[in-house]
PDB file of N, CA and C in Angstrom:
ATOM      1  N   MET A   1      13.941   6.639  -2.562  1.00  0.00           N
ATOM      2  CA  MET A   1      13.216   6.103  -1.439  1.00  0.00           C
ATOM      3  C   MET A   1      11.737   5.999  -1.802  1.00  0.00           C
ATOM      4  N   TYR A   2      11.138   4.844  -1.501  1.00  0.00           N
ATOM      5  CA  TYR A   2       9.721   4.642  -1.743  1.00  0.00           C
ATOM      6  C   TYR A   2       8.898   5.236  -0.608  1.00  0.00           C
ATOM      7  N   THR A   3       7.727   5.781  -0.948  1.00  0.00           N
ATOM      8  CA  THR A   3       6.764   6.280   0.022  1.00  0.00           C
ATOM      9  C   THR A   3       5.376   5.871  -0.445  1.00  0.00           C
ATOM     10  N   LEU A   4       4.595   5.276   0.469  1.00  0.00           N
ATOM     11  CA  LEU A   4       3.211   4.914   0.176  1.00  0.00           C
ATOM     12  C   LEU A   4       2.311   5.816   1.007  1.00  0.00           C
ATOM     13  N   THR A   5       1.342   6.452   0.342  1.00  0.00           N
ATOM     14  CA  THR A   5       0.366   7.289   1.030  1.00  0.00           C
ATOM     15  C   THR A   5      -1.028   6.777   0.715  1.00  0.00           C
ATOM     16  N   ILE A   6      -1.828   6.586   1.764  1.00  0.00           N
ATOM     17  CA  ILE A   6      -3.237   6.215   1.622  1.00  0.00           C
ATOM     18  C   ILE A   6      -4.055   7.399   2.111  1.00  0.00           C
ATOM     19  N   THR A   7      -5.043   7.810   1.319  1.00  0.00           N
ATOM     20  CA  THR A   7      -5.781   9.036   1.604  1.00  0.00           C
ATOM     21  C   THR A   7      -6.873   8.840   2.644  1.00  0.00           C
ATOM     22  N   ALA A   8      -6.500   8.327   3.805  1.00  0.00           N
ATOM     23  CA  ALA A   8      -7.414   8.245   4.943  1.00  0.00           C
ATOM     24  C   ALA A   8      -7.425   9.610   5.615  1.00  0.00           C
ATOM     25  N   VAL A   9      -8.256   9.762   6.651  1.00  0.00           N
ATOM     26  CA  VAL A   9      -8.260  11.004   7.436  1.00  0.00           C
ATOM     27  C   VAL A   9      -7.918  10.624   8.867  1.00  0.00           C
ATOM     28  N   PRO A  10      -6.722  10.978   9.345  1.00  0.00           N
ATOM     29  CA  PRO A  10      -5.615  11.615   8.636  1.00  0.00           C
ATOM     30  C   PRO A  10      -4.942  10.620   7.686  1.00  0.00           C
ATOM     31  N   PRO A  11      -4.181  11.128   6.706  1.00  0.00           N
ATOM     32  CA  PRO A  11      -3.520  10.236   5.744  1.00  0.00           C
ATOM     33  C   PRO A  11      -2.542   9.276   6.430  1.00  0.00           C
ATOM     34  N   LEU A  12      -2.463   8.076   5.887  1.00  0.00           N
ATOM     35  CA  LEU A  12      -1.481   7.093   6.353  1.00  0.00           C
ATOM     36  C   LEU A  12      -0.305   7.145   5.394  1.00  0.00           C
ATOM     37  N   GLN A  13       0.903   7.142   5.929  1.00  0.00           N
ATOM     38  CA  GLN A  13       2.083   7.243   5.068  1.00  0.00           C
ATOM     39  C   GLN A  13       3.218   6.419   5.652  1.00  0.00           C
ATOM     40  N   TRP A  14       3.877   5.653   4.773  1.00  0.00           N
ATOM     41  CA  TRP A  14       5.040   4.862   5.142  1.00  0.00           C
ATOM     42  C   TRP A  14       6.138   5.091   4.124  1.00  0.00           C
ATOM     43  N   SER A  15       7.368   5.032   4.581  1.00  0.00           N
ATOM     44  CA  SER A  15       8.545   5.112   3.715  1.00  0.00           C
ATOM     45  C   SER A  15       9.483   3.979   4.095  1.00  0.00           C
ATOM     46  N   GLU A  16      10.527   3.807   3.308  1.00  0.00           N
ATOM     47  CA  GLU A  16      11.552   2.848   3.686  1.00  0.00           C
ATOM     48  C   GLU A  16      12.230   3.351   4.953  1.00  0.00           C
ATOM     49  N   PRO A  17      12.586   2.565   5.908  1.00  0.00           N
ATOM     50  CA  PRO A  17      12.673   1.113   5.902  1.00  0.00           C
ATOM     51  C   PRO A  17      11.385   0.391   6.283  1.00  0.00           C
ATOM     52  N   ASP A  18      10.287   1.129   6.642  1.00  0.00           N
ATOM     53  CA  ASP A  18       9.030   0.454   6.977  1.00  0.00           C
ATOM     54  C   ASP A  18       8.477  -0.318   5.790  1.00  0.00           C
ATOM     55  N   ILE A  19       8.668   0.188   4.571  1.00  0.00           N
ATOM     56  CA  ILE A  19       8.276  -0.555   3.379  1.00  0.00           C
ATOM     57  C   ILE A  19       9.361  -1.595   3.128  1.00  0.00           C
ATOM     58  N   THR A  20       8.982  -2.864   3.276  1.00  0.00           N
ATOM     59  CA  THR A  20       9.975  -3.931   3.165  1.00  0.00           C
ATOM     60  C   THR A  20       9.963  -4.631   1.812  1.00  0.00           C
ATOM     61  N   ALA A  21       8.860  -4.498   1.060  1.00  0.00           N
ATOM     62  CA  ALA A  21       8.798  -5.147  -0.251  1.00  0.00           C
ATOM     63  C   ALA A  21       7.786  -4.429  -1.131  1.00  0.00           C
ATOM     64  N   ILE A  22       8.109  -4.378  -2.407  1.00  0.00           N
ATOM     65  CA  ILE A  22       7.220  -3.827  -3.425  1.00  0.00           C
ATOM     66  C   ILE A  22       7.079  -4.905  -4.484  1.00  0.00           C
ATOM     67  N   GLY A  23       5.856  -5.341  -4.712  1.00  0.00           N
ATOM     68  CA  GLY A  23       5.635  -6.347  -5.743  1.00  0.00           C
ATOM     69  C   GLY A  23       5.708  -5.716  -7.116  1.00  0.00           C
ATOM     70  N   THR A  24       5.842  -6.539  -8.126  1.00  0.00           N
ATOM     71  CA  THR A  24       5.844  -6.027  -9.494  1.00  0.00           C
ATOM     72  C   THR A  24       4.416  -5.708  -9.904  1.00  0.00           C
ATOM     73  N   GLU A  25       4.263  -4.792 -10.842  1.00  0.00           N
ATOM     74  CA  GLU A  25       2.938  -4.452 -11.349  1.00  0.00           C
ATOM     75  C   GLU A  25       2.452  -5.605 -12.212  1.00  0.00           C
ATOM     76  N   HIS A  26       1.219  -6.035 -11.962  1.00  0.00           N
ATOM     77  CA  HIS A  26       0.657  -7.166 -12.705  1.00  0.00           C
ATOM     78  C   HIS A  26      -0.577  -6.732 -13.470  1.00  0.00           C
ATOM     79  N   SER A  27      -0.719  -7.228 -14.697  1.00  0.00           N
ATOM     80  CA  SER A  27      -1.954  -7.087 -15.459  1.00  0.00           C
ATOM     81  C   SER A  27      -1.996  -8.214 -16.485  1.00  0.00           C
ATOM     82  N   ALA A  28      -3.193  -8.642 -16.795  1.00  0.00           N
ATOM     83  CA  ALA A  28      -3.355  -9.742 -17.739  1.00  0.00           C
ATOM     84  C   ALA A  28      -3.474  -9.208 -19.168  1.00  0.00           C
ATOM     85  N   ILE A  29      -3.214 -10.064 -20.117  1.00  0.00           N
ATOM     86  CA  ILE A  29      -3.322  -9.700 -21.526  1.00  0.00           C
ATOM     87  C   ILE A  29      -4.758  -9.326 -21.884  1.00  0.00           C
ATOM     88  N   ASN A  30      -5.730  -9.916 -21.190  1.00  0.00           N
ATOM     89  CA  ASN A  30      -7.141  -9.682 -21.518  1.00  0.00           C
ATOM     90  C   ASN A  30      -7.674  -8.346 -21.003  1.00  0.00           C
ATOM     91  N   GLY A  31      -6.805  -7.438 -20.588  1.00  0.00           N
ATOM     92  CA  GLY A  31      -7.247  -6.115 -20.178  1.00  0.00           C
ATOM     93  C   GLY A  31      -7.536  -5.967 -18.695  1.00  0.00           C
ATOM     94  N   GLU A  32      -7.160  -6.953 -17.917  1.00  0.00           N
ATOM     95  CA  GLU A  32      -7.352  -6.865 -16.472  1.00  0.00           C
ATOM     96  C   GLU A  32      -6.657  -5.618 -15.930  1.00  0.00           C
ATOM     97  N   VAL A  33      -7.254  -5.010 -14.922  1.00  0.00           N
ATOM     98  CA  VAL A  33      -6.706  -3.798 -14.320  1.00  0.00           C
ATOM     99  C   VAL A  33      -5.401  -4.134 -13.592  1.00  0.00           C
ATOM    100  N   PRO A  34      -4.354  -3.310 -13.763  1.00  0.00           N
ATOM    101  CA  PRO A  34      -3.077  -3.563 -13.086  1.00  0.00           C
ATOM    102  C   PRO A  34      -3.208  -3.509 -11.566  1.00  0.00           C
ATOM    103  N   ASN A  35      -2.403  -4.313 -10.889  1.00  0.00           N
ATOM    104  CA  ASN A  35      -2.362  -4.258  -9.432  1.00  0.00           C
ATOM    105  C   ASN A  35      -0.931  -4.394  -8.954  1.00  0.00           C
ATOM    106  N   MET A  36      -0.712  -4.012  -7.696  1.00  0.00           N
ATOM    107  CA  MET A  36       0.613  -4.049  -7.102  1.00  0.00           C
ATOM    108  C   MET A  36       0.454  -4.294  -5.606  1.00  0.00           C
ATOM    109  N   THR A  37       1.402  -5.006  -5.029  1.00  0.00           N
ATOM    110  CA  THR A  37       1.379  -5.291  -3.599  1.00  0.00           C
ATOM    111  C   THR A  37       2.539  -4.561  -2.922  1.00  0.00           C
ATOM    112  N   VAL A  38       2.238  -3.936  -1.776  1.00  0.00           N
ATOM    113  CA  VAL A  38       3.247  -3.256  -0.966  1.00  0.00           C
ATOM    114  C   VAL A  38       3.218  -3.898   0.417  1.00  0.00           C
ATOM    115  N   THR A  39       4.402  -4.234   0.943  1.00  0.00           N
ATOM    116  CA  THR A  39       4.512  -4.870   2.259  1.00  0.00           C
ATOM    117  C   THR A  39       5.162  -3.909   3.238  1.00  0.00           C
ATOM    118  N   ILE A  40       4.520  -3.773   4.406  1.00  0.00           N
ATOM    119  CA  ILE A  40       4.963  -2.861   5.462  1.00  0.00           C
ATOM    120  C   ILE A  40       5.392  -3.690   6.677  1.00  0.00           C
ATOM    121  N   ASP A  41       6.528  -3.342   7.282  1.00  0.00           N
ATOM    122  CA  ASP A  41       6.983  -4.007   8.504  1.00  0.00           C
ATOM    123  C   ASP A  41       6.033  -3.660   9.650  1.00  0.00           C
ATOM    124  N   ASN A  42       5.532  -4.690  10.336  1.00  0.00           N
ATOM    125  CA  ASN A  42       4.628  -4.500  11.468  1.00  0.00           C
ATOM    126  C   ASN A  42       5.011  -5.445  12.599  1.00  0.00           C
ATOM    127  N   ALA A  43       6.296  -5.763  12.716  1.00  0.00           N
ATOM    128  CA  ALA A  43       6.769  -6.772  13.664  1.00  0.00           C
ATOM    129  C   ALA A  43       6.381  -6.464  15.108  1.00  0.00           C
ATOM    130  N   ARG A  44       6.316  -5.192  15.455  1.00  0.00           N
ATOM    131  CA  ARG A  44       5.952  -4.799  16.818  1.00  0.00           C
ATOM    132  C   ARG A  44       4.478  -4.414  16.915  1.00  0.00           C
ATOM    133  N   GLY A  45       3.729  -4.561  15.841  1.00  0.00           N
ATOM    134  CA  GLY A  45       2.314  -4.209  15.833  1.00  0.00           C
ATOM    135  C   GLY A  45       2.070  -2.708  15.799  1.00  0.00           C
ATOM    136  N   GLN A  46       3.120  -1.953  15.449  1.00  0.00           N
ATOM    137  CA  GLN A  46       3.051  -0.505  15.543  1.00  0.00           C
ATOM    138  C   GLN A  46       2.087   0.146  14.551  1.00  0.00           C
ATOM    139  N   HIS A  47       1.718  -0.548  13.491  1.00  0.00           N
ATOM    140  CA  HIS A  47       0.836   0.053  12.476  1.00  0.00           C
ATOM    141  C   HIS A  47      -0.569  -0.560  12.473  1.00  0.00           C
ATOM    142  N   THR A  48      -0.791  -1.585  13.286  1.00  0.00           N
ATOM    143  CA  THR A  48      -2.062  -2.308  13.274  1.00  0.00           C
ATOM    144  C   THR A  48      -3.250  -1.398  13.551  1.00  0.00           C
ATOM    145  N   ALA A  49      -3.207  -0.637  14.631  1.00  0.00           N
ATOM    146  CA  ALA A  49      -4.347   0.191  15.022  1.00  0.00           C
ATOM    147  C   ALA A  49      -4.682   1.233  13.959  1.00  0.00           C
ATOM    148  N   ALA A  50      -3.675   1.875  13.395  1.00  0.00           N
ATOM    149  CA  ALA A  50      -3.920   2.918  12.392  1.00  0.00           C
ATOM    150  C   ALA A  50      -4.582   2.346  11.148  1.00  0.00           C
ATOM    151  N   VAL A  51      -4.105   1.194  10.687  1.00  0.00           N
ATOM    152  CA  VAL A  51      -4.665   0.592   9.477  1.00  0.00           C
ATOM    153  C   VAL A  51      -6.081   0.095   9.745  1.00  0.00           C
ATOM    154  N   ALA A  52      -6.292  -0.576  10.875  1.00  0.00           N
ATOM    155  CA  ALA A  52      -7.614  -1.111  11.199  1.00  0.00           C
ATOM    156  C   ALA A  52      -8.627   0.012  11.418  1.00  0.00           C
ATOM    157  N   ALA A  53      -8.242   1.070  12.114  1.00  0.00           N
ATOM    158  CA  ALA A  53      -9.164   2.167  12.415  1.00  0.00           C
ATOM    159  C   ALA A  53      -9.505   2.999  11.190  1.00  0.00           C
ATOM    160  N   SER A  54      -8.647   3.026  10.206  1.00  0.00           N
ATOM    161  CA  SER A  54      -8.854   3.884   9.037  1.00  0.00           C
ATOM    162  C   SER A  54      -9.754   3.273   7.978  1.00  0.00           C
ATOM    163  N   ASN A  55     -10.072   1.979   8.116  1.00  0.00           N
ATOM    164  CA  ASN A  55     -10.927   1.320   7.130  1.00  0.00           C
ATOM    165  C   ASN A  55     -10.451   1.651   5.715  1.00  0.00           C
ATOM    166  N   VAL A  56      -9.242   1.199   5.390  1.00  0.00           N
ATOM    167  CA  VAL A  56      -8.538   1.621   4.181  1.00  0.00           C
ATOM    168  C   VAL A  56      -9.059   1.031   2.867  1.00  0.00           C
ATOM    169  N   LEU A  57      -9.912   0.027   2.926  1.00  0.00           N
ATOM    170  CA  LEU A  57     -10.394  -0.581   1.677  1.00  0.00           C
ATOM    171  C   LEU A  57     -11.096   0.449   0.804  1.00  0.00           C
ATOM    172  N   ARG A  58     -10.758   0.436  -0.478  1.00  0.00           N
ATOM    173  CA  ARG A  58     -11.292   1.313  -1.520  1.00  0.00           C
ATOM    174  C   ARG A  58     -10.791   2.753  -1.439  1.00  0.00           C
ATOM    175  N   LEU A  59      -9.928   3.072  -0.472  1.00  0.00           N
ATOM    176  CA  LEU A  59      -9.357   4.417  -0.414  1.00  0.00           C
ATOM    177  C   LEU A  59      -8.266   4.552  -1.471  1.00  0.00           C
ATOM    178  N   ARG A  60      -8.037   5.760  -1.951  1.00  0.00           N
ATOM    179  CA  ARG A  60      -6.992   6.035  -2.931  1.00  0.00           C
ATOM    180  C   ARG A  60      -5.621   5.906  -2.277  1.00  0.00           C
ATOM    181  N   ALA A  61      -4.664   5.432  -3.054  1.00  0.00           N
ATOM    182  CA  ALA A  61      -3.295   5.267  -2.574  1.00  0.00           C
ATOM    183  C   ALA A  61      -2.336   5.602  -3.705  1.00  0.00           C
ATOM    184  N   GLU A  62      -1.157   6.075  -3.314  1.00  0.00           N
ATOM    185  CA  GLU A  62      -0.140   6.385  -4.318  1.00  0.00           C
ATOM    186  C   GLU A  62       1.218   5.955  -3.796  1.00  0.00           C
ATOM    187  N   LEU A  63       1.969   5.293  -4.652  1.00  0.00           N
ATOM    188  CA  LEU A  63       3.331   4.879  -4.339  1.00  0.00           C
ATOM    189  C   LEU A  63       4.279   5.788  -5.102  1.00  0.00           C
ATOM    190  N   LEU A  64       5.162   6.448  -4.363  1.00  0.00           N
ATOM    191  CA  LEU A  64       6.145   7.351  -4.956  1.00  0.00           C
ATOM    192  C   LEU A  64       7.541   6.774  -4.830  1.00  0.00           C
ATOM    193  N   LEU A  65       8.383   7.053  -5.800  1.00  0.00           N
ATOM    194  CA  LEU A  65       9.801   6.732  -5.731  1.00  0.00           C
ATOM    195  C   LEU A  65      10.542   8.042  -5.916  1.00  0.00           C
ATOM    196  N   ASP A  66      11.223   8.473  -4.879  1.00  0.00           N
ATOM    197  CA  ASP A  66      11.946   9.748  -4.899  1.00  0.00           C
ATOM    198  C   ASP A  66      11.055  10.900  -5.368  1.00  0.00           C
ATOM    199  N   GLY A  67       9.810  10.912  -4.897  1.00  0.00           N
ATOM    200  CA  GLY A  67       8.886  11.996  -5.201  1.00  0.00           C
ATOM    201  C   GLY A  67       8.125  11.870  -6.505  1.00  0.00           C
ATOM    202  N   HIS A  68       8.382  10.805  -7.277  1.00  0.00           N
ATOM    203  CA  HIS A  68       7.709  10.596  -8.563  1.00  0.00           C
ATOM    204  C   HIS A  68       6.750   9.419  -8.445  1.00  0.00           C
ATOM    205  N   SER A  69       5.529   9.586  -8.912  1.00  0.00           N
ATOM    206  CA  SER A  69       4.513   8.546  -8.828  1.00  0.00           C
ATOM    207  C   SER A  69       4.896   7.343  -9.697  1.00  0.00           C
ATOM    208  N   VAL A  70       4.884   6.158  -9.086  1.00  0.00           N
ATOM    209  CA  VAL A  70       5.140   4.930  -9.837  1.00  0.00           C
ATOM    210  C   VAL A  70       3.894   4.055  -9.915  1.00  0.00           C
ATOM    211  N   PHE A  71       2.909   4.304  -9.026  1.00  0.00           N
ATOM    212  CA  PHE A  71       1.650   3.560  -9.073  1.00  0.00           C
ATOM    213  C   PHE A  71       0.615   4.332  -8.280  1.00  0.00           C
ATOM    214  N   ALA A  72      -0.575   4.451  -8.838  1.00  0.00           N
ATOM    215  CA  ALA A  72      -1.692   5.086  -8.135  1.00  0.00           C
ATOM    216  C   ALA A  72      -2.921   4.223  -8.343  1.00  0.00           C
ATOM    217  N   GLY A  73      -3.711   4.077  -7.303  1.00  0.00           N
ATOM    218  CA  GLY A  73      -4.906   3.258  -7.406  1.00  0.00           C
ATOM    219  C   GLY A  73      -5.658   3.253  -6.098  1.00  0.00           C
ATOM    220  N   ALA A  74      -6.453   2.216  -5.909  1.00  0.00           N
ATOM    221  CA  ALA A  74      -7.255   2.064  -4.698  1.00  0.00           C
ATOM    222  C   ALA A  74      -6.810   0.823  -3.941  1.00  0.00           C
ATOM    223  N   VAL A  75      -6.967   0.840  -2.629  1.00  0.00           N
ATOM    224  CA  VAL A  75      -6.637  -0.312  -1.797  1.00  0.00           C
ATOM    225  C   VAL A  75      -7.725  -1.366  -1.999  1.00  0.00           C
ATOM    226  N   GLN A  76      -7.319  -2.557  -2.437  1.00  0.00           N
ATOM    227  CA  GLN A  76      -8.266  -3.641  -2.700  1.00  0.00           C
ATOM    228  C   GLN A  76      -8.277  -4.707  -1.614  1.00  0.00           C
ATOM    229  N   ALA A  77      -7.164  -4.878  -0.918  1.00  0.00           N
ATOM    230  CA  ALA A  77      -7.087  -5.902   0.126  1.00  0.00           C
ATOM    231  C   ALA A  77      -5.982  -5.535   1.102  1.00  0.00           C
ATOM    232  N   VAL A  78      -6.170  -5.946   2.350  1.00  0.00           N
ATOM    233  CA  VAL A  78      -5.171  -5.720   3.393  1.00  0.00           C
ATOM    234  C   VAL A  78      -5.092  -6.976   4.249  1.00  0.00           C
ATOM    235  N   ALA A  79      -3.876  -7.415   4.529  1.00  0.00           N
ATOM    236  CA  ALA A  79      -3.641  -8.525   5.462  1.00  0.00           C
ATOM    237  C   ALA A  79      -2.717  -8.006   6.555  1.00  0.00           C
ATOM    238  N   ILE A  80      -3.159  -8.125   7.817  1.00  0.00           N
ATOM    239  CA  ILE A  80      -2.396  -7.582   8.936  1.00  0.00           C
ATOM    240  C   ILE A  80      -1.831  -8.719   9.766  1.00  0.00           C
ATOM    241  N   GLY A  81      -0.527  -8.670   9.987  1.00  0.00           N
ATOM    242  CA  GLY A  81       0.174  -9.633  10.827  1.00  0.00           C
ATOM    243  C   GLY A  81       1.517  -9.025  11.188  1.00  0.00           C
ATOM    244  N   ALA A  82       2.564  -9.833  11.224  1.00  0.00           N
ATOM    245  CA  ALA A  82       3.909  -9.307  11.465  1.00  0.00           C
ATOM    246  C   ALA A  82       4.316  -8.373  10.335  1.00  0.00           C
ATOM    247  N   GLU A  83       3.677  -8.555   9.189  1.00  0.00           N
ATOM    248  CA  GLU A  83       3.800  -7.633   8.062  1.00  0.00           C
ATOM    249  C   GLU A  83       2.388  -7.242   7.654  1.00  0.00           C
ATOM    250  N   ILE A  84       2.248  -6.044   7.135  1.00  0.00           N
ATOM    251  CA  ILE A  84       0.969  -5.622   6.567  1.00  0.00           C
ATOM    252  C   ILE A  84       1.137  -5.646   5.053  1.00  0.00           C
ATOM    253  N   THR A  85       0.316  -6.442   4.404  1.00  0.00           N
ATOM    254  CA  THR A  85       0.334  -6.536   2.952  1.00  0.00           C
ATOM    255  C   THR A  85      -0.843  -5.760   2.408  1.00  0.00           C
ATOM    256  N   ILE A  86      -0.554  -4.776   1.569  1.00  0.00           N
ATOM    257  CA  ILE A  86      -1.589  -3.920   1.000  1.00  0.00           C
ATOM    258  C   ILE A  86      -1.600  -4.136  -0.498  1.00  0.00           C
ATOM    259  N   GLU A  87      -2.740  -4.575  -1.020  1.00  0.00           N
ATOM    260  CA  GLU A  87      -2.879  -4.796  -2.457  1.00  0.00           C
ATOM    261  C   GLU A  87      -3.567  -3.584  -3.065  1.00  0.00           C
ATOM    262  N   LEU A  88      -2.917  -2.988  -4.054  1.00  0.00           N
ATOM    263  CA  LEU A  88      -3.444  -1.813  -4.746  1.00  0.00           C
ATOM    264  C   LEU A  88      -3.903  -2.215  -6.134  1.00  0.00           C
ATOM    265  N   GLU A  89      -4.975  -1.577  -6.596  1.00  0.00           N
ATOM    266  CA  GLU A  89      -5.463  -1.812  -7.946  1.00  0.00           C
ATOM    267  C   GLU A  89      -5.673  -0.477  -8.629  1.00  0.00           C
ATOM    268  N   ALA A  90      -5.171  -0.347  -9.853  1.00  0.00           N
ATOM    269  CA  ALA A  90      -5.288   0.921 -10.603  1.00  0.00           C
ATOM    270  C   ALA A  90      -6.714   1.183 -11.023  1.00  0.00           C
TER     271      ALA A  90
END
């Protein structure tokens, strides 16, 4: 099971089934920093206030799979709608 934690105060945390998609890790040959996109279900707007109030940009985030870290970095972008798309950069 995937779990995303953002180190806001208090911490924001989502697990499956709220996590609906995990993008592949991307990096360019020229040494560009790796990034990854995580999509959260927000169809009822249930996560909008927490994400907006926490000012999550540049905060540390970690994506775990069954308790093991698969990606750690900072939040670089957030798009809020029926889904919340969070772009992480290592």
